[in-house]
Amino acid sequence: MSGSVVTAGTNNLSLPLTAPILAVGRSRWGILESVKPVGEGLLLIKLAGEERLVDEELLDSLQPLIGKLVSVMHLEDCKWGAGALRA
């Protein structure tokens, strides 16, 4: 897997959540369908038909991967990772 790990601060959310934040210790993988900044330090991603909120610092890593098989991980409280998977 090629990708990156990012660290970010804790977000105090005031926006209505349309999707759950990817939980700490969890990952999702599949075809990345879309990436959209939604404010408050978050991105709304659609991955394999499911929407999740992830840290906005993944934007530069995820945008070029739209349409590709990827993995997105919430490693620790403030650490996130994302990268392309080989089929």
N, C-alpha and C. Protein backbone atom coordinates (compact mmCIF):
# COMPACT_ATOMS: atom_id res chain seq x y z
N MET A 1 0.84 -1.17 0.00
CA MET A 1 0.00 0.00 0.00
C MET A 1 0.89 1.23 0.00
N SER A 2 0.62 2.15 -0.90
CA SER A 2 1.31 3.44 -0.86
C SER A 2 0.33 4.45 -0.32
N GLY A 3 0.80 5.33 0.54
CA GLY A 3 -0.12 6.30 1.13
C GLY A 3 0.57 7.12 2.17
N SER A 4 -0.22 7.64 3.09
CA SER A 4 0.33 8.52 4.10
C SER A 4 -0.41 8.35 5.40
N VAL A 5 0.26 8.76 6.46
CA VAL A 5 -0.34 8.81 7.78
C VAL A 5 -0.32 10.26 8.21
N VAL A 6 -1.43 10.76 8.73
CA VAL A 6 -1.53 12.16 9.13
C VAL A 6 -1.93 12.23 10.58
N THR A 7 -1.54 13.31 11.23
CA THR A 7 -2.02 13.56 12.58
C THR A 7 -2.80 14.85 12.57
N ALA A 8 -3.82 14.91 13.39
CA ALA A 8 -4.66 16.11 13.45
C ALA A 8 -5.26 16.23 14.84
N GLY A 9 -5.64 17.43 15.20
CA GLY A 9 -6.24 17.69 16.51
C GLY A 9 -7.67 17.19 16.59
N THR A 10 -8.20 17.18 17.78
CA THR A 10 -9.58 16.77 18.01
C THR A 10 -10.52 17.85 17.50
N ASN A 11 -11.62 17.43 16.88
CA ASN A 11 -12.60 18.37 16.34
C ASN A 11 -13.77 18.52 17.30
N ASN A 12 -14.20 19.75 17.52
CA ASN A 12 -15.44 20.02 18.24
C ASN A 12 -16.48 20.29 17.18
N LEU A 13 -17.41 19.39 17.00
CA LEU A 13 -18.35 19.46 15.90
C LEU A 13 -19.57 20.30 16.24
N SER A 14 -19.93 21.16 15.29
CA SER A 14 -21.17 21.91 15.43
C SER A 14 -22.06 21.70 14.22
N LEU A 15 -21.58 20.93 13.24
CA LEU A 15 -22.38 20.68 12.05
C LEU A 15 -23.22 19.42 12.24
N PRO A 16 -24.36 19.35 11.57
CA PRO A 16 -25.15 18.12 11.66
C PRO A 16 -24.43 16.99 10.92
N LEU A 17 -24.28 15.87 11.57
CA LEU A 17 -23.58 14.75 10.95
C LEU A 17 -24.51 13.99 10.02
N THR A 18 -24.07 13.82 8.78
CA THR A 18 -24.84 13.04 7.83
C THR A 18 -24.31 11.63 7.72
N ALA A 19 -23.12 11.41 8.26
CA ALA A 19 -22.48 10.10 8.23
C ALA A 19 -21.64 9.98 9.50
N PRO A 20 -21.37 8.76 9.94
CA PRO A 20 -20.54 8.61 11.13
C PRO A 20 -19.07 8.89 10.83
N ILE A 21 -18.35 9.37 11.85
CA ILE A 21 -16.91 9.50 11.74
C ILE A 21 -16.33 8.09 11.81
N LEU A 22 -15.37 7.81 10.95
CA LEU A 22 -14.71 6.51 10.99
C LEU A 22 -14.10 6.33 12.38
N ALA A 23 -14.51 5.30 13.08
CA ALA A 23 -14.14 5.08 14.48
C ALA A 23 -12.65 4.78 14.63
N VAL A 24 -12.11 5.14 15.78
CA VAL A 24 -10.71 4.85 16.10
C VAL A 24 -10.50 3.35 16.06
N GLY A 25 -9.40 2.94 15.43
CA GLY A 25 -9.07 1.52 15.33
C GLY A 25 -9.76 0.82 14.18
N ARG A 26 -10.51 1.55 13.38
CA ARG A 26 -11.25 0.94 12.27
C ARG A 26 -10.68 1.38 10.94
N SER A 27 -10.96 0.60 9.92
CA SER A 27 -10.59 0.96 8.56
C SER A 27 -11.72 0.56 7.63
N ARG A 28 -11.71 1.17 6.47
CA ARG A 28 -12.66 0.82 5.40
C ARG A 28 -11.85 0.75 4.13
N TRP A 29 -12.24 -0.14 3.25
CA TRP A 29 -11.58 -0.21 1.96
C TRP A 29 -12.61 -0.47 0.87
N GLY A 30 -12.27 -0.09 -0.33
CA GLY A 30 -13.14 -0.25 -1.49
C GLY A 30 -12.84 0.82 -2.51
N ILE A 31 -13.68 0.93 -3.51
CA ILE A 31 -13.51 1.96 -4.54
C ILE A 31 -13.93 3.30 -3.94
N LEU A 32 -13.05 4.28 -4.01
CA LEU A 32 -13.33 5.62 -3.52
C LEU A 32 -14.17 6.35 -4.56
N GLU A 33 -15.40 6.67 -4.20
CA GLU A 33 -16.34 7.28 -5.14
C GLU A 33 -16.31 8.80 -5.10
N SER A 34 -16.12 9.39 -3.92
CA SER A 34 -16.11 10.85 -3.83
C SER A 34 -15.43 11.30 -2.55
N VAL A 35 -14.96 12.55 -2.59
CA VAL A 35 -14.33 13.21 -1.44
C VAL A 35 -14.84 14.64 -1.43
N LYS A 36 -15.42 15.07 -0.30
CA LYS A 36 -16.00 16.41 -0.23
C LYS A 36 -15.72 17.05 1.12
N PRO A 37 -15.03 18.22 1.14
CA PRO A 37 -14.85 18.93 2.41
C PRO A 37 -16.22 19.40 2.93
N VAL A 38 -16.45 19.21 4.23
CA VAL A 38 -17.73 19.61 4.82
C VAL A 38 -17.56 20.61 5.96
N GLY A 39 -16.34 21.06 6.20
CA GLY A 39 -16.10 22.00 7.29
C GLY A 39 -15.78 21.32 8.59
N GLU A 40 -15.44 22.12 9.59
CA GLU A 40 -15.11 21.62 10.93
C GLU A 40 -13.96 20.62 10.91
N GLY A 41 -13.08 20.72 9.90
CA GLY A 41 -11.93 19.84 9.84
C GLY A 41 -12.21 18.46 9.30
N LEU A 42 -13.35 18.28 8.62
CA LEU A 42 -13.75 16.96 8.16
C LEU A 42 -13.99 16.90 6.65
N LEU A 43 -13.84 15.68 6.13
CA LEU A 43 -14.20 15.35 4.75
C LEU A 43 -15.31 14.31 4.79
N LEU A 44 -16.23 14.39 3.86
CA LEU A 44 -17.22 13.34 3.68
C LEU A 44 -16.75 12.52 2.50
N ILE A 45 -16.45 11.24 2.75
CA ILE A 45 -16.02 10.37 1.66
C ILE A 45 -17.09 9.32 1.41
N LYS A 46 -17.18 8.89 0.17
CA LYS A 46 -18.03 7.77 -0.18
C LYS A 46 -17.10 6.68 -0.68
N LEU A 47 -17.11 5.56 0.03
CA LEU A 47 -16.20 4.47 -0.20
C LEU A 47 -17.01 3.18 -0.26
N ALA A 48 -17.01 2.55 -1.43
CA ALA A 48 -17.76 1.31 -1.62
C ALA A 48 -19.23 1.47 -1.23
N GLY A 49 -19.81 2.62 -1.58
CA GLY A 49 -21.22 2.86 -1.34
C GLY A 49 -21.57 3.36 0.04
N GLU A 50 -20.59 3.44 0.96
CA GLU A 50 -20.83 3.92 2.32
C GLU A 50 -20.20 5.28 2.52
N GLU A 51 -20.88 6.16 3.24
CA GLU A 51 -20.32 7.47 3.56
C GLU A 51 -19.74 7.45 4.96
N ARG A 52 -18.58 8.09 5.09
CA ARG A 52 -17.91 8.24 6.39
C ARG A 52 -17.29 9.62 6.43
N LEU A 53 -17.15 10.16 7.65
CA LEU A 53 -16.42 11.40 7.87
C LEU A 53 -15.01 11.04 8.30
N VAL A 54 -14.03 11.74 7.71
CA VAL A 54 -12.62 11.52 8.04
C VAL A 54 -11.94 12.88 8.17
N ASP A 55 -10.73 12.89 8.69
CA ASP A 55 -9.99 14.14 8.89
C ASP A 55 -9.67 14.80 7.55
N GLU A 56 -9.81 16.13 7.49
CA GLU A 56 -9.59 16.87 6.25
C GLU A 56 -8.14 16.83 5.79
N GLU A 57 -7.21 16.47 6.65
CA GLU A 57 -5.81 16.39 6.23
C GLU A 57 -5.56 15.24 5.26
N LEU A 58 -6.55 14.38 5.06
CA LEU A 58 -6.43 13.30 4.07
C LEU A 58 -6.79 13.78 2.66
N LEU A 59 -7.25 15.01 2.52
CA LEU A 59 -7.74 15.50 1.22
C LEU A 59 -6.71 15.32 0.11
N ASP A 60 -5.48 15.77 0.31
CA ASP A 60 -4.46 15.67 -0.74
C ASP A 60 -4.12 14.22 -1.07
N SER A 61 -4.21 13.33 -0.10
CA SER A 61 -3.94 11.91 -0.35
C SER A 61 -5.10 11.24 -1.09
N LEU A 62 -6.34 11.65 -0.76
CA LEU A 62 -7.50 10.97 -1.32
C LEU A 62 -7.96 11.47 -2.69
N GLN A 63 -7.85 12.76 -2.96
CA GLN A 63 -8.37 13.29 -4.22
C GLN A 63 -7.83 12.57 -5.45
N PRO A 64 -6.53 12.30 -5.56
CA PRO A 64 -6.05 11.61 -6.76
C PRO A 64 -6.45 10.13 -6.82
N LEU A 65 -7.04 9.62 -5.74
CA LEU A 65 -7.40 8.20 -5.69
C LEU A 65 -8.87 7.93 -6.00
N ILE A 66 -9.63 8.97 -6.34
CA ILE A 66 -11.05 8.77 -6.68
C ILE A 66 -11.13 7.81 -7.86
N GLY A 67 -11.99 6.80 -7.72
CA GLY A 67 -12.15 5.78 -8.74
C GLY A 67 -11.23 4.59 -8.58
N LYS A 68 -10.36 4.63 -7.56
CA LYS A 68 -9.41 3.55 -7.34
C LYS A 68 -9.73 2.79 -6.05
N LEU A 69 -9.16 1.61 -5.92
CA LEU A 69 -9.30 0.80 -4.72
C LEU A 69 -8.38 1.37 -3.65
N VAL A 70 -8.96 1.78 -2.51
CA VAL A 70 -8.19 2.42 -1.45
C VAL A 70 -8.56 1.85 -0.09
N SER A 71 -7.71 2.17 0.88
CA SER A 71 -7.99 1.88 2.28
C SER A 71 -7.86 3.19 3.05
N VAL A 72 -8.78 3.42 3.98
CA VAL A 72 -8.74 4.60 4.85
C VAL A 72 -8.80 4.08 6.28
N MET A 73 -7.88 4.58 7.12
CA MET A 73 -7.75 4.07 8.47
C MET A 73 -7.78 5.20 9.49
N HIS A 74 -8.42 4.96 10.64
CA HIS A 74 -8.35 5.87 11.79
C HIS A 74 -7.53 5.12 12.81
N LEU A 75 -6.23 5.40 12.83
CA LEU A 75 -5.28 4.60 13.59
C LEU A 75 -5.34 4.86 15.09
N GLU A 76 -5.33 6.11 15.47
CA GLU A 76 -5.40 6.52 16.87
C GLU A 76 -6.25 7.77 16.92
N ASP A 77 -6.41 8.32 18.11
CA ASP A 77 -7.26 9.49 18.27
C ASP A 77 -7.02 10.55 17.20
N CYS A 78 -5.78 10.88 16.93
CA CYS A 78 -5.46 11.97 16.00
C CYS A 78 -4.61 11.51 14.83
N LYS A 79 -4.58 10.23 14.55
CA LYS A 79 -3.78 9.72 13.43
C LYS A 79 -4.69 9.00 12.43
N TRP A 80 -4.53 9.41 11.17
CA TRP A 80 -5.32 8.85 10.09
C TRP A 80 -4.38 8.40 8.98
N GLY A 81 -4.81 7.44 8.19
CA GLY A 81 -4.00 7.00 7.06
C GLY A 81 -4.89 6.68 5.88
N ALA A 82 -4.32 6.78 4.69
CA ALA A 82 -5.05 6.45 3.47
C ALA A 82 -4.04 6.10 2.38
N GLY A 83 -4.43 5.21 1.52
CA GLY A 83 -3.55 4.87 0.40
C GLY A 83 -4.22 3.92 -0.56
N ALA A 84 -3.60 3.80 -1.73
CA ALA A 84 -4.10 2.91 -2.78
C ALA A 84 -3.77 1.46 -2.43
N LEU A 85 -4.66 0.56 -2.79
CA LEU A 85 -4.43 -0.87 -2.63
C LEU A 85 -4.17 -1.46 -4.01
N ARG A 86 -3.40 -2.50 -4.06
CA ARG A 86 -3.18 -3.21 -5.31
C ARG A 86 -4.22 -4.30 -5.44
N ALA A 87 -4.82 -4.38 -6.60
CA ALA A 87 -5.86 -5.40 -6.83
C ALA A 87 -5.24 -6.75 -7.12
